[in-house]
Protein backbone atom coordinates (compact mmCIF):
# COMPACT_ATOMS: atom_id res chain seq x y z
CA UNK A 1 10.49 0.66 -6.49
CA UNK A 2 8.78 1.23 -3.18
CA UNK A 3 5.39 -0.30 -2.44
CA UNK A 4 2.74 2.08 -1.07
CA UNK A 5 -0.09 0.79 1.11
CA UNK A 6 -3.51 2.33 1.72
CA UNK A 7 -2.60 3.95 5.04
CA UNK A 8 0.30 5.84 3.49
CA UNK A 9 -1.87 7.31 0.71
CA UNK A 10 -4.62 8.29 3.15
CA UNK A 11 -2.13 9.86 5.55
CA UNK A 12 -0.57 11.80 2.69
CA UNK A 13 -3.92 13.27 1.64
CA UNK A 14 -5.56 13.75 5.04
CA UNK A 15 -4.01 16.47 7.19
CA UNK A 16 -6.07 15.22 10.15
CA UNK A 17 -4.42 11.78 9.97
CA UNK A 18 -1.90 11.10 12.76
CA UNK A 19 0.70 10.02 10.19
CA UNK A 20 0.20 12.97 7.81
CA UNK A 21 3.40 14.89 8.64
CA UNK A 22 5.45 11.70 8.63
CA UNK A 23 4.07 10.67 5.22
CA UNK A 24 4.84 14.11 3.76
CA UNK A 25 8.39 14.12 5.13
CA UNK A 26 9.17 10.57 3.92
CA UNK A 27 7.82 11.31 0.45
CA UNK A 28 10.09 14.36 0.14
CA UNK A 29 13.30 12.36 0.49
CA UNK A 30 12.38 9.24 -1.52
CA UNK A 31 14.22 8.86 -4.80
CA UNK A 32 12.61 5.64 -6.01
CA UNK A 33 9.26 5.44 -7.81
CA UNK A 34 6.19 4.36 -5.88
CA UNK A 35 3.97 1.46 -6.89
CA UNK A 36 0.71 0.08 -5.55
CA UNK A 37 -2.10 -2.23 -6.69
CA UNK A 38 -5.65 -1.77 -7.91
CA UNK A 39 -7.19 -3.14 -4.68
CA UNK A 40 -5.21 -0.52 -2.74
CA UNK A 41 -6.29 2.21 -5.17
CA UNK A 42 -9.93 1.22 -4.62
CA UNK A 43 -9.52 1.18 -0.84
CA UNK A 44 -7.84 4.60 -0.84
CA UNK A 45 -10.57 6.14 -3.00
CA UNK A 46 -13.25 4.77 -0.67
CA UNK A 47 -11.55 6.07 2.47
CA UNK A 48 -10.69 9.49 1.05
CA UNK A 49 -14.23 10.00 -0.21
CA UNK A 50 -15.63 9.00 3.19
CA UNK A 51 -13.17 11.03 5.29
CA UNK A 52 -12.30 14.05 3.16
CA UNK A 53 -14.84 14.19 0.34
CA UNK A 54 -14.75 14.11 -3.44
CA UNK A 55 -11.97 16.69 -3.81
CA UNK A 56 -9.54 14.48 -1.88
CA UNK A 57 -10.50 11.43 -3.92
CA UNK A 58 -10.14 13.34 -7.18
CA UNK A 59 -6.79 14.75 -6.06
CA UNK A 60 -5.51 11.23 -5.50
CA UNK A 61 -6.74 10.03 -8.90
CA UNK A 62 -5.25 13.14 -10.54
CA UNK A 63 -1.87 12.28 -9.02
CA UNK A 64 -2.15 8.81 -10.56
CA UNK A 65 -3.19 10.32 -13.90
CA UNK A 66 -0.14 12.61 -13.78
CA UNK A 67 2.20 9.66 -13.25
CA UNK A 68 3.03 10.18 -9.58
CA UNK A 69 2.99 6.40 -9.04
CA UNK A 70 2.53 3.12 -10.88
CA UNK A 71 -0.23 0.55 -10.41
CA UNK A 72 0.55 -3.17 -10.66
CA UNK A 73 -1.99 -5.37 -12.43
CA UNK A 74 -2.97 -8.61 -10.76
CA UNK A 75 -3.90 -11.29 -13.26
CA UNK A 76 -5.41 -14.77 -13.27
CA UNK A 77 -2.06 -16.35 -12.48
CA UNK A 78 -2.25 -14.65 -9.06
CA UNK A 79 -5.65 -16.10 -8.08
CA UNK A 80 -4.29 -19.15 -6.27
CA UNK A 81 -1.69 -17.11 -4.39
CA UNK A 82 -4.30 -14.53 -3.30
CA UNK A 83 -6.46 -17.23 -1.77
CA UNK A 84 -3.54 -19.01 -0.11
CA UNK A 85 -2.24 -15.78 1.44
CA UNK A 86 -5.66 -14.74 2.74
CA UNK A 87 -6.19 -18.20 4.23
CA UNK A 88 -2.71 -18.28 5.77
CA UNK A 89 -3.16 -14.91 7.48
CA UNK A 90 -6.89 -15.26 8.24
CA UNK A 91 -6.20 -14.78 11.96
CA UNK A 92 -5.19 -11.13 11.37
CA UNK A 93 -7.22 -11.13 8.98
CA UNK A 94 -5.51 -10.28 5.69
CA UNK A 95 -7.65 -8.33 3.24
CA UNK A 96 -7.43 -8.33 -0.56
CA UNK A 97 -5.39 -5.12 -0.66
CA UNK A 98 -2.73 -6.50 1.68
CA UNK A 99 -2.61 -9.82 -0.19
CA UNK A 100 -2.09 -7.92 -3.43
CA UNK A 101 0.87 -6.08 -1.89
CA UNK A 102 2.51 -9.34 -0.82
CA UNK A 103 2.19 -10.58 -4.40
CA UNK A 104 3.60 -7.28 -5.65
CA UNK A 105 6.62 -7.65 -3.33
CA UNK A 106 7.19 -11.13 -4.71
CA UNK A 107 7.00 -9.85 -8.29
CA UNK A 108 9.42 -7.00 -7.51
CA UNK A 109 11.74 -9.14 -5.38
CA UNK A 110 11.62 -6.32 -2.85
CA UNK A 111 9.74 -5.77 0.41
CA UNK A 112 10.27 -2.03 0.85
CA UNK A 113 6.90 -0.56 1.82
CA UNK A 114 5.31 2.64 3.04
CA UNK A 115 2.55 1.63 5.45
CA UNK A 116 0.92 2.93 8.63
CA UNK A 117 0.07 -0.69 9.49
CA UNK A 118 2.68 -1.78 12.02
CA UNK A 119 1.22 -5.14 13.02
CA UNK A 120 0.33 -6.75 9.72
CA UNK A 121 3.37 -5.80 7.68
CA UNK A 122 5.64 -6.97 10.50
CA UNK A 123 3.87 -10.34 10.30
CA UNK A 124 3.53 -10.87 6.54
CA UNK A 125 6.32 -12.57 4.64
CA UNK A 126 6.80 -12.37 0.90
CA UNK A 127 7.89 -15.61 -0.72
CA UNK A 128 6.99 -17.12 2.69
CA UNK A 129 10.37 -16.04 4.04
CA UNK A 130 11.28 -12.39 3.64
CA UNK A 131 10.02 -9.64 5.97
CA UNK A 132 8.79 -6.28 4.78
CA UNK A 133 10.91 -3.22 5.45
CA UNK A 134 8.51 -0.45 6.42
CA UNK A 135 10.27 2.74 5.39
CA UNK A 136 7.47 4.96 6.74
CA UNK A 137 7.79 3.81 10.33
CA UNK A 138 11.56 3.30 10.55
CA UNK A 139 13.43 5.55 12.93
């Protein structure tokens, strides 16, 4: 499975986004299913509604409804890890959505991600050791 961050989803839906064509082209060749988290889903809905309006937000939710991607559920066992990650990376700072994706990578045992965020996902480490591999921005 490949983790999808907020920036990827927004770029995919927003033809005015600088990463739109790249997101479309990467999605076309991917063979693995995509997965994200509820905090990312919330962030994407907020940004799409603000930038592109209700039709873009509904289109995104329809794609989820149709099974285009999976959503990972955080649970109470993740509470301590969320706080520790956000404290550790407070200098960036790390938001809830990004912290949830680090936890997702740890659960999957895989740091493959689609993200427009070059700085943060080059810095974050899952299981405190492993770097993310940003498929979207690789050459």
